[in-house]
Amino acid sequence: MSEIAACTLIQEEPDHKTERYMMMFKDYPDVVTVEHLQKMLGVGRKIAYLLVKENKIRSVRVGRSYKIPKLCVVEYLLDKT
């Protein structure tokens, strides 16, 4: 199973809280970069890379960059609330 398919939100029906997060990030593409992640979470570069490298937010490494499904960012936020 790929890392992207492991996001539980892909496999579940979204609830109202999930839908609100998706609306909050509607201006972002479905797959975001670390720079997008910084803006989405309001954190610095070091923290954004730390979240991705420690697999707290699931991602896929493509070459030298990380690709992060927006759903995995939402999943991270839902787990934190």
N, C-alpha and C. Protein backbone atom coordinates (compact mmCIF):
# COMPACT_ATOMS: atom_id res chain seq x y z
N MET A 1 0.85 -1.17 0.00
CA MET A 1 0.00 0.00 0.00
C MET A 1 0.89 1.23 0.00
N SER A 2 0.57 2.19 -0.80
CA SER A 2 1.38 3.41 -0.86
C SER A 2 1.09 4.28 0.35
N GLU A 3 1.99 5.21 0.60
CA GLU A 3 1.82 6.14 1.72
C GLU A 3 0.56 6.97 1.55
N ILE A 4 0.27 7.38 0.32
CA ILE A 4 -0.90 8.22 0.08
C ILE A 4 -2.18 7.47 0.39
N ALA A 5 -2.27 6.22 -0.01
CA ALA A 5 -3.48 5.44 0.24
C ALA A 5 -3.67 5.18 1.72
N ALA A 6 -2.63 5.36 2.53
CA ALA A 6 -2.72 5.11 3.95
C ALA A 6 -3.47 6.20 4.70
N CYS A 7 -3.71 7.35 4.08
CA CYS A 7 -4.48 8.40 4.74
C CYS A 7 -5.89 7.89 4.96
N THR A 8 -6.33 7.88 6.19
CA THR A 8 -7.63 7.29 6.52
C THR A 8 -8.79 8.09 5.94
N LEU A 9 -8.60 9.38 5.72
CA LEU A 9 -9.69 10.19 5.18
C LEU A 9 -10.06 9.79 3.76
N ILE A 10 -9.12 9.18 3.04
CA ILE A 10 -9.41 8.73 1.69
C ILE A 10 -10.40 7.58 1.72
N GLN A 11 -10.36 6.80 2.80
CA GLN A 11 -11.15 5.59 2.89
C GLN A 11 -12.44 5.77 3.67
N GLU A 12 -12.62 6.89 4.35
CA GLU A 12 -13.79 7.11 5.19
C GLU A 12 -14.71 8.17 4.58
N GLU A 13 -15.93 8.17 5.05
CA GLU A 13 -16.86 9.24 4.70
C GLU A 13 -16.49 10.47 5.51
N PRO A 14 -16.36 11.64 4.90
CA PRO A 14 -15.99 12.83 5.66
C PRO A 14 -17.12 13.28 6.58
N ASP A 15 -16.76 13.72 7.79
CA ASP A 15 -17.75 14.27 8.70
C ASP A 15 -17.75 15.79 8.55
N HIS A 16 -18.54 16.46 9.36
CA HIS A 16 -18.65 17.92 9.24
C HIS A 16 -17.34 18.63 9.55
N LYS A 17 -16.61 18.12 10.53
CA LYS A 17 -15.33 18.73 10.89
C LYS A 17 -14.34 18.62 9.74
N THR A 18 -14.28 17.45 9.11
CA THR A 18 -13.39 17.24 7.96
C THR A 18 -13.78 18.16 6.82
N GLU A 19 -15.06 18.28 6.56
CA GLU A 19 -15.52 19.14 5.47
C GLU A 19 -15.14 20.60 5.72
N ARG A 20 -15.18 21.03 6.99
CA ARG A 20 -14.78 22.40 7.31
C ARG A 20 -13.30 22.63 7.04
N TYR A 21 -12.46 21.65 7.40
CA TYR A 21 -11.03 21.78 7.11
C TYR A 21 -10.79 21.81 5.60
N MET A 22 -11.52 20.99 4.86
CA MET A 22 -11.35 20.96 3.40
C MET A 22 -11.76 22.31 2.80
N MET A 23 -12.79 22.93 3.33
CA MET A 23 -13.21 24.24 2.84
C MET A 23 -12.16 25.30 3.19
N MET A 24 -11.54 25.15 4.35
CA MET A 24 -10.52 26.10 4.78
C MET A 24 -9.32 26.07 3.83
N PHE A 25 -9.01 24.90 3.30
CA PHE A 25 -7.86 24.73 2.41
C PHE A 25 -8.26 24.61 0.94
N LYS A 26 -9.43 25.12 0.57
CA LYS A 26 -9.93 24.95 -0.80
C LYS A 26 -9.05 25.63 -1.84
N ASP A 27 -8.28 26.64 -1.45
CA ASP A 27 -7.42 27.35 -2.41
C ASP A 27 -6.10 26.63 -2.66
N TYR A 28 -5.87 25.55 -1.96
CA TYR A 28 -4.64 24.79 -2.14
C TYR A 28 -4.89 23.60 -3.06
N PRO A 29 -3.87 23.17 -3.81
CA PRO A 29 -4.04 21.98 -4.67
C PRO A 29 -4.20 20.72 -3.84
N ASP A 30 -4.62 19.64 -4.46
CA ASP A 30 -4.82 18.37 -3.75
C ASP A 30 -3.51 17.79 -3.22
N VAL A 31 -2.42 18.09 -3.89
CA VAL A 31 -1.10 17.66 -3.44
C VAL A 31 -0.27 18.92 -3.24
N VAL A 32 0.21 19.12 -2.01
CA VAL A 32 0.91 20.35 -1.68
C VAL A 32 2.39 20.11 -1.43
N THR A 33 3.14 21.18 -1.41
CA THR A 33 4.57 21.13 -1.14
C THR A 33 4.82 21.53 0.31
N VAL A 34 6.06 21.45 0.74
CA VAL A 34 6.40 21.86 2.10
C VAL A 34 6.13 23.36 2.28
N GLU A 35 6.36 24.13 1.24
CA GLU A 35 6.09 25.56 1.32
C GLU A 35 4.60 25.82 1.55
N HIS A 36 3.75 25.08 0.85
CA HIS A 36 2.30 25.19 1.08
C HIS A 36 1.98 24.79 2.52
N LEU A 37 2.59 23.70 2.97
CA LEU A 37 2.35 23.19 4.32
C LEU A 37 2.66 24.25 5.36
N GLN A 38 3.75 24.98 5.16
CA GLN A 38 4.11 26.06 6.07
C GLN A 38 2.98 27.07 6.19
N LYS A 39 2.43 27.47 5.06
CA LYS A 39 1.36 28.46 5.06
C LYS A 39 0.07 27.89 5.65
N MET A 40 -0.22 26.64 5.34
CA MET A 40 -1.44 26.01 5.83
C MET A 40 -1.46 25.92 7.35
N LEU A 41 -0.31 25.59 7.94
CA LEU A 41 -0.23 25.39 9.38
C LEU A 41 0.29 26.61 10.13
N GLY A 42 0.83 27.56 9.40
CA GLY A 42 1.39 28.75 10.05
C GLY A 42 2.64 28.43 10.85
N VAL A 43 3.48 27.56 10.28
CA VAL A 43 4.73 27.17 10.95
C VAL A 43 5.91 27.52 10.05
N GLY A 44 7.08 27.47 10.63
CA GLY A 44 8.29 27.75 9.88
C GLY A 44 8.76 26.54 9.08
N ARG A 45 9.78 26.78 8.28
CA ARG A 45 10.32 25.74 7.40
C ARG A 45 10.84 24.53 8.18
N LYS A 46 11.55 24.78 9.28
CA LYS A 46 12.14 23.71 10.07
C LYS A 46 11.06 22.79 10.63
N ILE A 47 10.00 23.35 11.18
CA ILE A 47 8.91 22.55 11.75
C ILE A 47 8.19 21.78 10.65
N ALA A 48 7.95 22.42 9.50
CA ALA A 48 7.26 21.75 8.39
C ALA A 48 8.05 20.53 7.94
N TYR A 49 9.35 20.68 7.74
CA TYR A 49 10.17 19.54 7.34
C TYR A 49 10.23 18.47 8.42
N LEU A 50 10.25 18.87 9.67
CA LEU A 50 10.28 17.92 10.78
C LEU A 50 9.00 17.08 10.79
N LEU A 51 7.84 17.70 10.59
CA LEU A 51 6.57 16.97 10.55
C LEU A 51 6.55 15.93 9.44
N VAL A 52 7.11 16.29 8.29
CA VAL A 52 7.13 15.39 7.14
C VAL A 52 8.17 14.28 7.34
N LYS A 53 9.37 14.65 7.77
CA LYS A 53 10.44 13.66 7.94
C LYS A 53 10.13 12.65 9.02
N GLU A 54 9.44 13.07 10.08
CA GLU A 54 9.08 12.15 11.17
C GLU A 54 7.78 11.42 10.88
N ASN A 55 7.24 11.61 9.68
CA ASN A 55 6.03 10.93 9.22
C ASN A 55 4.80 11.26 10.08
N LYS A 56 4.81 12.42 10.70
CA LYS A 56 3.62 12.87 11.43
C LYS A 56 2.57 13.33 10.44
N ILE A 57 3.03 13.83 9.31
CA ILE A 57 2.17 14.12 8.16
C ILE A 57 2.69 13.26 7.02
N ARG A 58 1.86 12.37 6.53
CA ARG A 58 2.28 11.44 5.48
C ARG A 58 2.61 12.19 4.19
N SER A 59 3.65 11.71 3.53
CA SER A 59 4.08 12.35 2.29
C SER A 59 4.82 11.33 1.43
N VAL A 60 5.12 11.76 0.22
CA VAL A 60 5.90 10.94 -0.70
C VAL A 60 7.07 11.81 -1.17
N ARG A 61 8.25 11.23 -1.15
CA ARG A 61 9.41 11.97 -1.62
C ARG A 61 9.58 11.72 -3.11
N VAL A 62 9.63 12.80 -3.86
CA VAL A 62 9.83 12.74 -5.31
C VAL A 62 11.10 13.54 -5.60
N GLY A 63 12.15 12.83 -5.94
CA GLY A 63 13.43 13.50 -6.14
C GLY A 63 13.89 14.11 -4.82
N ARG A 64 14.10 15.41 -4.83
CA ARG A 64 14.54 16.11 -3.63
C ARG A 64 13.40 16.81 -2.89
N SER A 65 12.19 16.68 -3.39
CA SER A 65 11.07 17.38 -2.75
C SER A 65 10.03 16.41 -2.21
N TYR A 66 9.23 16.90 -1.31
CA TYR A 66 8.15 16.11 -0.72
C TYR A 66 6.82 16.54 -1.34
N LYS A 67 5.98 15.57 -1.62
CA LYS A 67 4.61 15.81 -2.09
C LYS A 67 3.68 15.32 -1.00
N ILE A 68 2.79 16.19 -0.57
CA ILE A 68 1.94 15.91 0.58
C ILE A 68 0.48 16.01 0.17
N PRO A 69 -0.27 14.92 0.25
CA PRO A 69 -1.70 15.01 -0.05
C PRO A 69 -2.39 15.93 0.95
N LYS A 70 -3.21 16.82 0.45
CA LYS A 70 -3.93 17.76 1.31
C LYS A 70 -4.75 17.01 2.36
N LEU A 71 -5.28 15.86 1.99
CA LEU A 71 -6.06 15.06 2.94
C LEU A 71 -5.22 14.63 4.14
N CYS A 72 -3.95 14.38 3.92
CA CYS A 72 -3.08 13.98 5.03
C CYS A 72 -2.81 15.15 5.97
N VAL A 73 -2.80 16.35 5.46
CA VAL A 73 -2.66 17.54 6.31
C VAL A 73 -3.92 17.68 7.17
N VAL A 74 -5.08 17.52 6.55
CA VAL A 74 -6.34 17.59 7.28
C VAL A 74 -6.39 16.50 8.34
N GLU A 75 -5.97 15.29 7.98
CA GLU A 75 -5.95 14.18 8.93
C GLU A 75 -5.07 14.51 10.13
N TYR A 76 -3.92 15.11 9.89
CA TYR A 76 -3.03 15.50 10.98
C TYR A 76 -3.72 16.49 11.91
N LEU A 77 -4.39 17.47 11.34
CA LEU A 77 -5.08 18.47 12.15
C LEU A 77 -6.22 17.85 12.95
N LEU A 78 -6.95 16.94 12.36
CA LEU A 78 -8.06 16.29 13.06
C LEU A 78 -7.56 15.43 14.21
N ASP A 79 -6.40 14.81 14.05
CA ASP A 79 -5.82 14.00 15.13
C ASP A 79 -5.34 14.87 16.28
N LYS A 80 -5.03 16.13 16.00
CA LYS A 80 -4.50 17.03 17.01
C LYS A 80 -5.60 17.75 17.80
N THR A 81 -6.83 17.67 17.30
CA THR A 81 -7.92 18.40 17.99
C THR A 81 -8.74 17.49 18.86
